[in-house]
Amino acid sequence: MADAHVPHLANDKGVEKIYVGVKELQCMGARPPFDHPHVYLDMGADSQILCPYCSTLYVYHPRLQAGQSDPEGCIVTADENAGAGA
């Protein structure tokens, strides 16, 4: 079940793989206006998941906290999200 806050992630850098500290997230592709439909992804018992729109591979890494990604800067802030109408 999803927590109260499911982070949005953007792959503006175009990397193949993003390490995250959560198993539930929303992928938006790149930041607007170059985003794709914001899709909810849940890894469940797995440790990785592939976005069906942009093919970014999200990999869970326990050393990262919920608001962190590797590479840095992939977490979309609440201010950015509000401006995008999400």
N, C-alpha and C. Protein backbone atom coordinates (compact mmCIF):
# COMPACT_ATOMS: atom_id res chain seq x y z
N MET A 1 0.85 -1.17 0.00
CA MET A 1 0.00 0.00 0.00
C MET A 1 0.89 1.24 0.00
N ALA A 2 0.47 2.25 -0.70
CA ALA A 2 1.26 3.47 -0.82
C ALA A 2 1.27 4.27 0.47
N ASP A 3 2.41 4.85 0.79
CA ASP A 3 2.50 5.76 1.93
C ASP A 3 1.79 7.06 1.57
N ALA A 4 1.69 7.96 2.54
CA ALA A 4 1.03 9.24 2.31
C ALA A 4 1.75 10.04 1.23
N HIS A 5 3.07 9.93 1.17
CA HIS A 5 3.83 10.67 0.17
C HIS A 5 4.61 9.70 -0.70
N VAL A 6 4.29 9.67 -1.98
CA VAL A 6 5.01 8.85 -2.94
C VAL A 6 5.83 9.83 -3.80
N PRO A 7 7.16 9.74 -3.73
CA PRO A 7 7.97 10.71 -4.45
C PRO A 7 7.84 10.60 -5.97
N HIS A 8 7.89 11.76 -6.62
CA HIS A 8 7.95 11.83 -8.08
C HIS A 8 9.42 11.90 -8.46
N LEU A 9 9.77 11.18 -9.50
CA LEU A 9 11.15 11.21 -9.98
C LEU A 9 11.18 11.59 -11.45
N ALA A 10 12.21 12.33 -11.82
CA ALA A 10 12.41 12.76 -13.20
C ALA A 10 13.82 12.37 -13.64
N ASN A 11 13.93 11.94 -14.87
CA ASN A 11 15.22 11.52 -15.42
C ASN A 11 15.68 12.52 -16.47
N ASP A 12 15.90 13.76 -16.06
CA ASP A 12 16.34 14.80 -16.99
C ASP A 12 17.73 14.51 -17.56
N LYS A 13 18.52 13.76 -16.81
CA LYS A 13 19.90 13.46 -17.24
C LYS A 13 19.94 12.34 -18.27
N GLY A 14 18.85 11.62 -18.42
CA GLY A 14 18.78 10.54 -19.41
C GLY A 14 19.62 9.32 -19.05
N VAL A 15 19.81 9.08 -17.75
CA VAL A 15 20.58 7.91 -17.33
C VAL A 15 19.75 6.65 -17.47
N GLU A 16 20.42 5.52 -17.58
CA GLU A 16 19.71 4.25 -17.71
C GLU A 16 19.13 3.77 -16.39
N LYS A 17 19.80 4.12 -15.28
CA LYS A 17 19.45 3.56 -13.98
C LYS A 17 19.48 4.66 -12.92
N ILE A 18 18.45 4.68 -12.07
CA ILE A 18 18.40 5.61 -10.94
C ILE A 18 18.21 4.79 -9.67
N TYR A 19 19.10 4.99 -8.72
CA TYR A 19 19.00 4.32 -7.42
C TYR A 19 18.14 5.18 -6.50
N VAL A 20 17.21 4.55 -5.80
CA VAL A 20 16.27 5.26 -4.94
C VAL A 20 16.18 4.59 -3.58
N GLY A 21 15.69 5.34 -2.59
CA GLY A 21 15.53 4.81 -1.25
C GLY A 21 14.11 4.40 -0.93
N VAL A 22 13.28 4.25 -1.95
CA VAL A 22 11.88 3.84 -1.77
C VAL A 22 11.54 2.73 -2.77
N LYS A 23 10.48 2.01 -2.49
CA LYS A 23 10.04 0.97 -3.41
C LYS A 23 8.76 1.37 -4.14
N GLU A 24 8.18 2.50 -3.77
CA GLU A 24 6.99 3.03 -4.44
C GLU A 24 7.32 4.45 -4.88
N LEU A 25 7.04 4.75 -6.14
CA LEU A 25 7.38 6.06 -6.69
C LEU A 25 6.51 6.36 -7.90
N GLN A 26 6.58 7.59 -8.34
CA GLN A 26 5.95 7.96 -9.60
C GLN A 26 7.04 8.46 -10.53
N CYS A 27 7.07 7.92 -11.73
CA CYS A 27 8.01 8.37 -12.75
C CYS A 27 7.29 9.33 -13.68
N MET A 28 7.95 10.44 -13.98
CA MET A 28 7.38 11.43 -14.88
C MET A 28 8.23 11.62 -16.14
N GLY A 29 9.23 10.76 -16.31
CA GLY A 29 10.13 10.90 -17.45
C GLY A 29 11.10 12.03 -17.18
N ALA A 30 10.92 13.15 -17.85
CA ALA A 30 11.69 14.36 -17.60
C ALA A 30 10.74 15.38 -16.98
N ARG A 31 11.29 16.47 -16.51
CA ARG A 31 10.44 17.52 -15.95
C ARG A 31 9.64 18.19 -17.08
N PRO A 32 8.45 18.72 -16.75
CA PRO A 32 7.64 19.40 -17.76
C PRO A 32 8.43 20.51 -18.44
N PRO A 33 8.20 20.72 -19.70
CA PRO A 33 7.13 20.18 -20.54
C PRO A 33 7.50 18.89 -21.26
N PHE A 34 8.59 18.24 -20.89
CA PHE A 34 9.05 17.05 -21.59
C PHE A 34 8.68 15.76 -20.86
N ASP A 35 7.73 15.84 -19.93
CA ASP A 35 7.33 14.67 -19.15
C ASP A 35 6.42 13.75 -19.94
N HIS A 36 6.34 12.51 -19.48
CA HIS A 36 5.37 11.56 -20.01
C HIS A 36 4.27 11.42 -18.96
N PRO A 37 3.19 10.68 -19.22
CA PRO A 37 2.18 10.49 -18.18
C PRO A 37 2.84 10.00 -16.89
N HIS A 38 2.46 10.60 -15.77
CA HIS A 38 3.06 10.25 -14.49
C HIS A 38 2.52 8.90 -14.06
N VAL A 39 3.39 7.91 -14.02
CA VAL A 39 2.98 6.53 -13.77
C VAL A 39 3.47 6.09 -12.40
N TYR A 40 2.57 5.46 -11.64
CA TYR A 40 2.88 4.92 -10.32
C TYR A 40 3.57 3.58 -10.49
N LEU A 41 4.71 3.43 -9.84
CA LEU A 41 5.48 2.18 -9.91
C LEU A 41 5.67 1.62 -8.50
N ASP A 42 5.43 0.34 -8.33
CA ASP A 42 5.57 -0.32 -7.03
C ASP A 42 6.44 -1.57 -7.24
N MET A 43 7.60 -1.60 -6.61
CA MET A 43 8.53 -2.73 -6.76
C MET A 43 8.06 -3.98 -6.03
N GLY A 44 7.18 -3.80 -5.05
CA GLY A 44 6.73 -4.96 -4.28
C GLY A 44 7.90 -5.64 -3.60
N ALA A 45 8.05 -6.95 -3.77
CA ALA A 45 9.13 -7.71 -3.15
C ALA A 45 10.43 -7.61 -3.94
N ASP A 46 10.36 -7.06 -5.16
CA ASP A 46 11.56 -6.92 -5.99
C ASP A 46 12.38 -5.72 -5.55
N SER A 47 13.57 -5.61 -6.11
CA SER A 47 14.43 -4.48 -5.77
C SER A 47 14.64 -3.54 -6.95
N GLN A 48 13.90 -3.75 -8.03
CA GLN A 48 14.00 -2.85 -9.17
C GLN A 48 12.72 -2.90 -9.99
N ILE A 49 12.53 -1.85 -10.79
CA ILE A 49 11.36 -1.79 -11.67
C ILE A 49 11.69 -0.90 -12.85
N LEU A 50 11.15 -1.23 -14.01
CA LEU A 50 11.39 -0.49 -15.24
C LEU A 50 10.16 0.34 -15.59
N CYS A 51 10.37 1.63 -15.87
CA CYS A 51 9.25 2.47 -16.28
C CYS A 51 8.80 2.06 -17.68
N PRO A 52 7.51 1.79 -17.87
CA PRO A 52 7.04 1.36 -19.18
C PRO A 52 7.03 2.47 -20.24
N TYR A 53 7.15 3.73 -19.82
CA TYR A 53 7.15 4.84 -20.76
C TYR A 53 8.55 5.23 -21.22
N CYS A 54 9.47 5.43 -20.27
CA CYS A 54 10.79 5.96 -20.63
C CYS A 54 11.92 4.94 -20.47
N SER A 55 11.59 3.75 -19.98
CA SER A 55 12.55 2.66 -19.79
C SER A 55 13.65 2.97 -18.77
N THR A 56 13.41 3.93 -17.88
CA THR A 56 14.34 4.16 -16.78
C THR A 56 14.22 2.99 -15.81
N LEU A 57 15.36 2.44 -15.42
CA LEU A 57 15.37 1.36 -14.43
C LEU A 57 15.58 1.98 -13.06
N TYR A 58 14.61 1.79 -12.17
CA TYR A 58 14.70 2.27 -10.80
C TYR A 58 15.14 1.09 -9.93
N VAL A 59 16.20 1.32 -9.14
CA VAL A 59 16.77 0.27 -8.30
C VAL A 59 16.75 0.74 -6.85
N TYR A 60 16.14 -0.06 -6.00
CA TYR A 60 16.11 0.25 -4.57
C TYR A 60 17.49 0.02 -3.97
N HIS A 61 17.94 1.00 -3.18
CA HIS A 61 19.21 0.85 -2.47
C HIS A 61 18.98 1.30 -1.03
N PRO A 62 19.17 0.41 -0.04
CA PRO A 62 18.84 0.74 1.34
C PRO A 62 19.69 1.84 1.96
N ARG A 63 20.83 2.18 1.39
CA ARG A 63 21.65 3.27 1.95
C ARG A 63 21.04 4.64 1.67
N LEU A 64 20.11 4.71 0.73
CA LEU A 64 19.45 5.98 0.40
C LEU A 64 18.19 6.16 1.22
N GLN A 65 17.90 7.39 1.60
CA GLN A 65 16.65 7.70 2.29
C GLN A 65 15.58 8.04 1.27
N ALA A 66 14.35 8.20 1.73
CA ALA A 66 13.21 8.42 0.83
C ALA A 66 13.38 9.64 -0.07
N GLY A 67 14.03 10.67 0.39
CA GLY A 67 14.20 11.88 -0.41
C GLY A 67 15.50 11.96 -1.16
N GLN A 68 16.16 10.81 -1.37
CA GLN A 68 17.45 10.80 -2.04
C GLN A 68 17.41 9.94 -3.30
N SER A 69 18.27 10.29 -4.24
CA SER A 69 18.44 9.49 -5.45
C SER A 69 19.91 9.52 -5.84
N ASP A 70 20.32 8.56 -6.63
CA ASP A 70 21.67 8.52 -7.19
C ASP A 70 21.52 8.15 -8.64
N PRO A 71 21.74 9.10 -9.56
CA PRO A 71 22.35 10.41 -9.36
C PRO A 71 21.42 11.37 -8.61
N GLU A 72 22.04 12.35 -7.98
CA GLU A 72 21.28 13.36 -7.23
C GLU A 72 20.44 14.20 -8.19
N GLY A 73 19.39 14.81 -7.64
CA GLY A 73 18.57 15.74 -8.41
C GLY A 73 17.43 15.11 -9.18
N CYS A 74 17.16 13.84 -8.97
CA CYS A 74 16.05 13.19 -9.69
C CYS A 74 14.73 13.29 -8.96
N ILE A 75 14.76 13.59 -7.66
CA ILE A 75 13.53 13.75 -6.89
C ILE A 75 12.91 15.11 -7.23
N VAL A 76 11.65 15.10 -7.62
CA VAL A 76 10.95 16.34 -7.95
C VAL A 76 10.34 16.89 -6.67
N THR A 77 10.62 18.15 -6.38
CA THR A 77 10.14 18.76 -5.14
C THR A 77 8.65 19.07 -5.22
N ALA A 78 8.05 19.29 -4.06
CA ALA A 78 6.62 19.63 -4.00
C ALA A 78 6.33 20.91 -4.77
N ASP A 79 7.23 21.88 -4.69
CA ASP A 79 7.04 23.14 -5.43
C ASP A 79 7.02 22.91 -6.94
N GLU A 80 7.94 22.08 -7.42
CA GLU A 80 7.98 21.76 -8.86
C GLU A 80 6.71 21.03 -9.27
N ASN A 81 6.27 20.09 -8.43
CA ASN A 81 5.07 19.31 -8.71
C ASN A 81 3.84 20.20 -8.78
N ALA A 82 3.72 21.14 -7.86
CA ALA A 82 2.56 22.05 -7.84
C ALA A 82 2.54 22.90 -9.10
N GLY A 83 3.69 23.33 -9.54
CA GLY A 83 3.79 24.14 -10.76
C GLY A 83 3.46 23.37 -12.00
N ALA A 84 3.61 22.03 -11.96
CA ALA A 84 3.33 21.20 -13.11
C ALA A 84 1.87 20.78 -13.15
N GLY A 85 1.11 21.09 -12.10
CA GLY A 85 -0.30 20.73 -12.04
C GLY A 85 -0.50 19.26 -11.69
N ALA A 86 0.52 18.63 -11.11
CA ALA A 86 0.42 17.22 -10.75
C ALA A 86 -0.25 17.03 -9.41
